[in-house]
Amino acid sequence: MTIQDLPSLNAGLNTIAGVLLLLGYIAIKKNQRNVHRGFMVAALLVSAVFLTSYLIYHYHVPSKKFPELGFIKTIYFIILIPHIILAAAMVPMILKTFWHAYRQEWEKHKKIARITFPIWMYVSVTGVLVYFMLYVWYA
């Protein structure tokens, strides 16, 4: 595997994280707490591997510019800008959500998880979309 393979790996990790998040959400809605816990811990671990790979890639490779495609470039930035902002904001939120679960502070956990989950899901999905727009569809 080379540095150039990391964007594809990252998109795959984001996809896996999104699926794990969705499965964890479904499990908790079915009151399957242990199943929920397993999916959420797996999502955290996959996301940690993603973040490590992402940082390694961007240490070695400068940001890739999106081609000048008029309206498509505008759509790209409409997706990218909130993705970046929410990606930065979600890290402490995820850690706080897991901290409350670890301490079995269920009301605090549920309160922040209701905010953390949709942001984490949005960032995972839009991360894959940004990858396809930048490296596949308009490369």
N, C-alpha and C. Protein backbone atom coordinates (compact mmCIF):
# COMPACT_ATOMS: atom_id res chain seq x y z
N MET A 1 0.85 -1.19 0.00
CA MET A 1 0.00 0.00 0.00
C MET A 1 0.89 1.24 0.00
N THR A 2 0.50 2.21 -0.81
CA THR A 2 1.25 3.45 -0.91
C THR A 2 0.40 4.60 -0.36
N ILE A 3 1.03 5.75 -0.24
CA ILE A 3 0.33 6.95 0.20
C ILE A 3 -0.86 7.25 -0.71
N GLN A 4 -0.69 7.01 -2.01
CA GLN A 4 -1.77 7.30 -2.95
C GLN A 4 -2.99 6.40 -2.77
N ASP A 5 -2.82 5.29 -2.08
CA ASP A 5 -3.94 4.38 -1.81
C ASP A 5 -4.78 4.83 -0.61
N LEU A 6 -4.27 5.73 0.19
CA LEU A 6 -4.95 6.10 1.43
C LEU A 6 -6.31 6.77 1.23
N PRO A 7 -6.52 7.62 0.23
CA PRO A 7 -7.87 8.17 0.07
C PRO A 7 -8.93 7.07 -0.14
N SER A 8 -8.61 6.05 -0.90
CA SER A 8 -9.56 4.94 -1.10
C SER A 8 -9.77 4.18 0.21
N LEU A 9 -8.68 3.94 0.93
CA LEU A 9 -8.80 3.28 2.23
C LEU A 9 -9.67 4.11 3.16
N ASN A 10 -9.45 5.42 3.17
CA ASN A 10 -10.22 6.31 4.04
C ASN A 10 -11.70 6.29 3.70
N ALA A 11 -12.02 6.27 2.41
CA ALA A 11 -13.42 6.20 2.00
C ALA A 11 -14.04 4.89 2.46
N GLY A 12 -13.28 3.81 2.35
CA GLY A 12 -13.77 2.52 2.83
C GLY A 12 -13.99 2.52 4.33
N LEU A 13 -13.06 3.10 5.06
CA LEU A 13 -13.20 3.18 6.53
C LEU A 13 -14.40 4.05 6.91
N ASN A 14 -14.61 5.15 6.20
CA ASN A 14 -15.78 5.99 6.45
C ASN A 14 -17.08 5.23 6.18
N THR A 15 -17.09 4.45 5.12
CA THR A 15 -18.26 3.65 4.80
C THR A 15 -18.54 2.64 5.91
N ILE A 16 -17.51 1.95 6.34
CA ILE A 16 -17.66 0.96 7.41
C ILE A 16 -18.14 1.64 8.69
N ALA A 17 -17.56 2.79 9.02
CA ALA A 17 -17.98 3.52 10.23
C ALA A 17 -19.46 3.90 10.14
N GLY A 18 -19.89 4.38 8.98
CA GLY A 18 -21.28 4.75 8.80
C GLY A 18 -22.22 3.56 8.97
N VAL A 19 -21.85 2.42 8.42
CA VAL A 19 -22.66 1.21 8.56
C VAL A 19 -22.72 0.78 10.02
N LEU A 20 -21.58 0.80 10.69
CA LEU A 20 -21.54 0.43 12.12
C LEU A 20 -22.39 1.38 12.95
N LEU A 21 -22.33 2.66 12.65
CA LEU A 21 -23.16 3.64 13.36
C LEU A 21 -24.64 3.34 13.17
N LEU A 22 -25.02 3.07 11.94
CA LEU A 22 -26.43 2.77 11.66
C LEU A 22 -26.87 1.50 12.37
N LEU A 23 -26.03 0.48 12.35
CA LEU A 23 -26.36 -0.77 13.04
C LEU A 23 -26.45 -0.55 14.56
N GLY A 24 -25.57 0.28 15.09
CA GLY A 24 -25.63 0.60 16.52
C GLY A 24 -26.89 1.34 16.87
N TYR A 25 -27.30 2.25 16.01
CA TYR A 25 -28.55 3.00 16.22
C TYR A 25 -29.75 2.05 16.21
N ILE A 26 -29.78 1.16 15.23
CA ILE A 26 -30.88 0.20 15.15
C ILE A 26 -30.90 -0.69 16.39
N ALA A 27 -29.72 -1.12 16.84
CA ALA A 27 -29.64 -1.99 18.02
C ALA A 27 -30.19 -1.30 19.26
N ILE A 28 -29.86 -0.04 19.47
CA ILE A 28 -30.33 0.64 20.67
C ILE A 28 -31.83 0.89 20.60
N LYS A 29 -32.33 1.13 19.39
CA LYS A 29 -33.78 1.31 19.22
C LYS A 29 -34.52 0.01 19.54
N LYS A 30 -33.85 -1.13 19.37
CA LYS A 30 -34.43 -2.43 19.70
C LYS A 30 -34.09 -2.84 21.14
N ASN A 31 -33.49 -1.90 21.88
CA ASN A 31 -33.10 -2.13 23.28
C ASN A 31 -32.06 -3.25 23.42
N GLN A 32 -31.22 -3.41 22.43
CA GLN A 32 -30.15 -4.40 22.46
C GLN A 32 -28.85 -3.69 22.86
N ARG A 33 -28.72 -3.43 24.14
CA ARG A 33 -27.62 -2.58 24.62
C ARG A 33 -26.24 -3.16 24.36
N ASN A 34 -26.07 -4.46 24.57
CA ASN A 34 -24.74 -5.05 24.33
C ASN A 34 -24.38 -5.03 22.86
N VAL A 35 -25.35 -5.28 22.00
CA VAL A 35 -25.11 -5.21 20.55
C VAL A 35 -24.77 -3.77 20.17
N HIS A 36 -25.55 -2.83 20.70
CA HIS A 36 -25.29 -1.41 20.47
C HIS A 36 -23.86 -1.05 20.88
N ARG A 37 -23.49 -1.46 22.06
CA ARG A 37 -22.14 -1.16 22.57
C ARG A 37 -21.07 -1.69 21.62
N GLY A 38 -21.23 -2.92 21.16
CA GLY A 38 -20.25 -3.51 20.25
C GLY A 38 -20.12 -2.74 18.95
N PHE A 39 -21.26 -2.37 18.37
CA PHE A 39 -21.22 -1.60 17.11
C PHE A 39 -20.59 -0.23 17.33
N MET A 40 -20.91 0.41 18.43
CA MET A 40 -20.39 1.76 18.65
C MET A 40 -18.89 1.74 18.96
N VAL A 41 -18.43 0.76 19.71
CA VAL A 41 -16.99 0.64 19.96
C VAL A 41 -16.27 0.35 18.64
N ALA A 42 -16.85 -0.52 17.82
CA ALA A 42 -16.25 -0.81 16.51
C ALA A 42 -16.21 0.45 15.65
N ALA A 43 -17.29 1.25 15.66
CA ALA A 43 -17.31 2.49 14.89
C ALA A 43 -16.23 3.45 15.38
N LEU A 44 -16.04 3.51 16.69
CA LEU A 44 -15.00 4.37 17.25
C LEU A 44 -13.61 3.91 16.79
N LEU A 45 -13.37 2.62 16.84
CA LEU A 45 -12.06 2.09 16.43
C LEU A 45 -11.81 2.31 14.94
N VAL A 46 -12.81 2.05 14.11
CA VAL A 46 -12.67 2.26 12.67
C VAL A 46 -12.43 3.75 12.39
N SER A 47 -13.13 4.62 13.10
CA SER A 47 -12.95 6.05 12.90
C SER A 47 -11.56 6.51 13.36
N ALA A 48 -11.05 5.88 14.40
CA ALA A 48 -9.69 6.21 14.86
C ALA A 48 -8.65 5.80 13.82
N VAL A 49 -8.85 4.63 13.21
CA VAL A 49 -7.94 4.20 12.14
C VAL A 49 -8.06 5.15 10.96
N PHE A 50 -9.31 5.55 10.63
CA PHE A 50 -9.51 6.52 9.55
C PHE A 50 -8.73 7.80 9.84
N LEU A 51 -8.91 8.36 11.04
CA LEU A 51 -8.26 9.63 11.37
C LEU A 51 -6.74 9.50 11.27
N THR A 52 -6.20 8.40 11.73
CA THR A 52 -4.76 8.17 11.63
C THR A 52 -4.32 8.15 10.16
N SER A 53 -5.03 7.40 9.35
CA SER A 53 -4.71 7.30 7.93
C SER A 53 -4.87 8.65 7.24
N TYR A 54 -5.92 9.37 7.57
CA TYR A 54 -6.17 10.70 6.99
C TYR A 54 -5.02 11.66 7.31
N LEU A 55 -4.59 11.66 8.55
CA LEU A 55 -3.50 12.55 8.96
C LEU A 55 -2.18 12.17 8.30
N ILE A 56 -1.92 10.88 8.19
CA ILE A 56 -0.70 10.42 7.50
C ILE A 56 -0.73 10.87 6.05
N TYR A 57 -1.86 10.69 5.39
CA TYR A 57 -1.99 11.08 3.98
C TYR A 57 -1.73 12.58 3.81
N HIS A 58 -2.39 13.40 4.63
CA HIS A 58 -2.26 14.84 4.46
C HIS A 58 -0.94 15.40 4.99
N TYR A 59 -0.21 14.62 5.74
CA TYR A 59 1.16 15.00 6.10
C TYR A 59 2.06 14.91 4.87
N HIS A 60 1.79 13.90 4.03
CA HIS A 60 2.63 13.65 2.87
C HIS A 60 2.13 14.30 1.58
N VAL A 61 0.84 14.54 1.49
CA VAL A 61 0.25 15.04 0.24
C VAL A 61 -0.52 16.32 0.54
N PRO A 62 -0.21 17.39 -0.18
CA PRO A 62 -0.98 18.63 0.04
C PRO A 62 -2.43 18.42 -0.41
N SER A 63 -3.28 19.33 -0.02
CA SER A 63 -4.69 19.24 -0.39
C SER A 63 -4.84 19.19 -1.90
N LYS A 64 -5.75 18.36 -2.35
CA LYS A 64 -6.03 18.25 -3.78
C LYS A 64 -7.10 19.26 -4.14
N LYS A 65 -6.86 19.99 -5.22
CA LYS A 65 -7.83 21.01 -5.64
C LYS A 65 -8.91 20.38 -6.50
N PHE A 66 -10.12 20.86 -6.29
CA PHE A 66 -11.24 20.41 -7.11
C PHE A 66 -11.18 21.13 -8.45
N PRO A 67 -11.44 20.41 -9.55
CA PRO A 67 -11.35 21.06 -10.87
C PRO A 67 -12.41 22.16 -11.04
N GLU A 68 -12.10 23.08 -11.91
CA GLU A 68 -13.02 24.19 -12.21
C GLU A 68 -14.19 23.66 -13.05
N LEU A 69 -15.28 23.31 -12.38
CA LEU A 69 -16.44 22.76 -13.09
C LEU A 69 -17.70 23.57 -12.81
N GLY A 70 -17.53 24.84 -12.53
CA GLY A 70 -18.68 25.72 -12.34
C GLY A 70 -19.60 25.29 -11.21
N PHE A 71 -20.84 24.99 -11.56
CA PHE A 71 -21.87 24.67 -10.58
C PHE A 71 -21.51 23.44 -9.74
N ILE A 72 -20.86 22.45 -10.36
CA ILE A 72 -20.46 21.24 -9.63
C ILE A 72 -19.47 21.58 -8.52
N LYS A 73 -18.57 22.52 -8.80
CA LYS A 73 -17.61 22.93 -7.78
C LYS A 73 -18.33 23.60 -6.61
N THR A 74 -19.37 24.38 -6.91
CA THR A 74 -20.17 25.00 -5.85
C THR A 74 -20.83 23.92 -4.99
N ILE A 75 -21.39 22.91 -5.61
CA ILE A 75 -22.01 21.80 -4.87
C ILE A 75 -20.96 21.11 -4.00
N TYR A 76 -19.79 20.89 -4.56
CA TYR A 76 -18.69 20.27 -3.82
C TYR A 76 -18.39 21.06 -2.54
N PHE A 77 -18.27 22.37 -2.66
CA PHE A 77 -17.96 23.19 -1.48
C PHE A 77 -19.12 23.25 -0.50
N ILE A 78 -20.35 23.19 -0.99
CA ILE A 78 -21.52 23.15 -0.10
C ILE A 78 -21.50 21.89 0.76
N ILE A 79 -20.97 20.81 0.20
CA ILE A 79 -20.82 19.56 0.95
C ILE A 79 -19.57 19.59 1.83
N LEU A 80 -18.46 20.08 1.25
CA LEU A 80 -17.16 20.02 1.93
C LEU A 80 -17.08 20.91 3.16
N ILE A 81 -17.55 22.13 3.08
CA ILE A 81 -17.35 23.08 4.19
C ILE A 81 -18.02 22.61 5.48
N PRO A 82 -19.32 22.26 5.47
CA PRO A 82 -19.89 21.74 6.73
C PRO A 82 -19.25 20.41 7.15
N HIS A 83 -18.82 19.61 6.17
CA HIS A 83 -18.14 18.36 6.50
C HIS A 83 -16.90 18.63 7.35
N ILE A 84 -16.09 19.58 6.92
CA ILE A 84 -14.85 19.90 7.65
C ILE A 84 -15.16 20.46 9.04
N ILE A 85 -16.08 21.39 9.11
CA ILE A 85 -16.43 22.01 10.39
C ILE A 85 -16.96 20.97 11.38
N LEU A 86 -17.89 20.14 10.89
CA LEU A 86 -18.49 19.14 11.77
C LEU A 86 -17.50 18.03 12.12
N ALA A 87 -16.60 17.70 11.20
CA ALA A 87 -15.58 16.68 11.49
C ALA A 87 -14.69 17.13 12.65
N ALA A 88 -14.34 18.39 12.66
CA ALA A 88 -13.51 18.92 13.76
C ALA A 88 -14.30 18.95 15.06
N ALA A 89 -15.56 19.34 14.98
CA ALA A 89 -16.39 19.47 16.18
C ALA A 89 -16.77 18.12 16.77
N MET A 90 -16.87 17.10 15.94
CA MET A 90 -17.40 15.83 16.43
C MET A 90 -16.42 15.03 17.28
N VAL A 91 -15.13 15.25 17.12
CA VAL A 91 -14.16 14.46 17.88
C VAL A 91 -14.37 14.61 19.39
N PRO A 92 -14.41 15.83 19.92
CA PRO A 92 -14.67 15.93 21.37
C PRO A 92 -16.07 15.44 21.74
N MET A 93 -17.02 15.61 20.85
CA MET A 93 -18.38 15.13 21.13
C MET A 93 -18.40 13.61 21.25
N ILE A 94 -17.72 12.93 20.34
CA ILE A 94 -17.65 11.47 20.38
C ILE A 94 -16.99 11.02 21.67
N LEU A 95 -15.89 11.66 22.02
CA LEU A 95 -15.18 11.29 23.25
C LEU A 95 -16.05 11.51 24.48
N LYS A 96 -16.78 12.60 24.51
CA LYS A 96 -17.67 12.87 25.64
C LYS A 96 -18.82 11.86 25.69
N THR A 97 -19.36 11.51 24.53
CA THR A 97 -20.43 10.52 24.47
C THR A 97 -19.95 9.18 25.01
N PHE A 98 -18.77 8.76 24.58
CA PHE A 98 -18.21 7.50 25.06
C PHE A 98 -17.85 7.58 26.55
N TRP A 99 -17.38 8.72 27.00
CA TRP A 99 -17.04 8.89 28.41
C TRP A 99 -18.28 8.67 29.28
N HIS A 100 -19.39 9.27 28.90
CA HIS A 100 -20.62 9.09 29.68
C HIS A 100 -21.09 7.65 29.65
N ALA A 101 -20.94 6.97 28.54
CA ALA A 101 -21.31 5.55 28.47
C ALA A 101 -20.39 4.72 29.37
N TYR A 102 -19.10 5.00 29.30
CA TYR A 102 -18.12 4.28 30.12
C TYR A 102 -18.44 4.44 31.61
N ARG A 103 -18.85 5.63 31.99
CA ARG A 103 -19.17 5.91 33.40
C ARG A 103 -20.60 5.52 33.75
N GLN A 104 -21.32 4.98 32.78
CA GLN A 104 -22.71 4.56 32.94
C GLN A 104 -23.61 5.72 33.37
N GLU A 105 -23.32 6.88 32.84
CA GLU A 105 -24.15 8.07 33.06
C GLU A 105 -25.13 8.15 31.89
N TRP A 106 -26.13 7.30 31.95
CA TRP A 106 -26.98 7.04 30.80
C TRP A 106 -27.78 8.25 30.34
N GLU A 107 -28.26 9.05 31.24
CA GLU A 107 -29.03 10.24 30.81
C GLU A 107 -28.12 11.24 30.09
N LYS A 108 -26.94 11.46 30.62
CA LYS A 108 -25.98 12.34 29.95
C LYS A 108 -25.55 11.75 28.61
N HIS A 109 -25.34 10.43 28.61
CA HIS A 109 -24.94 9.75 27.38
C HIS A 109 -26.02 9.91 26.30
N LYS A 110 -27.26 9.65 26.65
CA LYS A 110 -28.35 9.76 25.68
C LYS A 110 -28.50 11.19 25.17
N LYS A 111 -28.36 12.15 26.08
CA LYS A 111 -28.53 13.56 25.71
C LYS A 111 -27.51 13.98 24.65
N ILE A 112 -26.24 13.66 24.86
CA ILE A 112 -25.23 14.07 23.88
C ILE A 112 -25.23 13.15 22.67
N ALA A 113 -25.58 11.87 22.85
CA ALA A 113 -25.60 10.94 21.71
C ALA A 113 -26.64 11.36 20.67
N ARG A 114 -27.71 11.98 21.12
CA ARG A 114 -28.74 12.45 20.18
C ARG A 114 -28.21 13.54 19.26
N ILE A 115 -27.17 14.23 19.70
CA ILE A 115 -26.52 15.25 18.87
C ILE A 115 -25.33 14.65 18.11
N THR A 116 -24.56 13.82 18.81
CA THR A 116 -23.35 13.24 18.23
C THR A 116 -23.66 12.32 17.07
N PHE A 117 -24.66 11.44 17.23
CA PHE A 117 -24.95 10.45 16.20
C PHE A 117 -25.22 11.07 14.82
N PRO A 118 -26.16 12.02 14.69
CA PRO A 118 -26.40 12.54 13.34
C PRO A 118 -25.20 13.28 12.75
N ILE A 119 -24.41 13.93 13.60
CA ILE A 119 -23.22 14.63 13.09
C ILE A 119 -22.19 13.61 12.61
N TRP A 120 -21.96 12.58 13.42
CA TRP A 120 -20.99 11.54 13.05
C TRP A 120 -21.43 10.84 11.77
N MET A 121 -22.73 10.56 11.67
CA MET A 121 -23.25 9.92 10.46
C MET A 121 -23.09 10.84 9.25
N TYR A 122 -23.43 12.11 9.42
CA TYR A 122 -23.29 13.08 8.32
C TYR A 122 -21.84 13.15 7.85
N VAL A 123 -20.91 13.23 8.78
CA VAL A 123 -19.49 13.35 8.43
C VAL A 123 -19.02 12.08 7.73
N SER A 124 -19.47 10.92 8.18
CA SER A 124 -19.08 9.67 7.53
C SER A 124 -19.60 9.61 6.09
N VAL A 125 -20.87 9.93 5.91
CA VAL A 125 -21.49 9.86 4.57
C VAL A 125 -20.89 10.91 3.65
N THR A 126 -20.77 12.14 4.12
CA THR A 126 -20.23 13.19 3.25
C THR A 126 -18.74 12.98 2.97
N GLY A 127 -18.04 12.32 3.89
CA GLY A 127 -16.63 11.99 3.63
C GLY A 127 -16.50 11.08 2.42
N VAL A 128 -17.38 10.10 2.33
CA VAL A 128 -17.38 9.21 1.17
C VAL A 128 -17.77 9.98 -0.09
N LEU A 129 -18.76 10.84 0.03
CA LEU A 129 -19.20 11.64 -1.11
C LEU A 129 -18.08 12.57 -1.60
N VAL A 130 -17.38 13.21 -0.68
CA VAL A 130 -16.25 14.08 -1.04
C VAL A 130 -15.18 13.26 -1.76
N TYR A 131 -14.91 12.07 -1.25
CA TYR A 131 -13.92 11.19 -1.91
C TYR A 131 -14.33 10.92 -3.36
N PHE A 132 -15.58 10.51 -3.57
CA PHE A 132 -16.02 10.20 -4.93
C PHE A 132 -15.96 11.43 -5.83
N MET A 133 -16.35 12.58 -5.30
CA MET A 133 -16.32 13.79 -6.11
C MET A 133 -14.89 14.19 -6.47
N LEU A 134 -13.97 14.03 -5.54
CA LEU A 134 -12.60 14.51 -5.74
C LEU A 134 -11.71 13.50 -6.46
N TYR A 135 -11.89 12.21 -6.19
CA TYR A 135 -10.96 11.20 -6.69
C TYR A 135 -11.54 10.28 -7.77
N VAL A 136 -12.87 10.25 -7.92
CA VAL A 136 -13.47 9.31 -8.86
C VAL A 136 -14.25 10.02 -9.96
N TRP A 137 -15.31 10.70 -9.60
CA TRP A 137 -16.20 11.29 -10.58
C TRP A 137 -15.58 12.45 -11.36
N TYR A 138 -14.84 13.32 -10.64
CA TYR A 138 -14.30 14.52 -11.29
C TYR A 138 -12.79 14.61 -11.19
N ALA A 139 -12.16 13.46 -11.14
CA ALA A 139 -10.69 13.42 -10.99
C ALA A 139 -10.01 13.91 -12.26
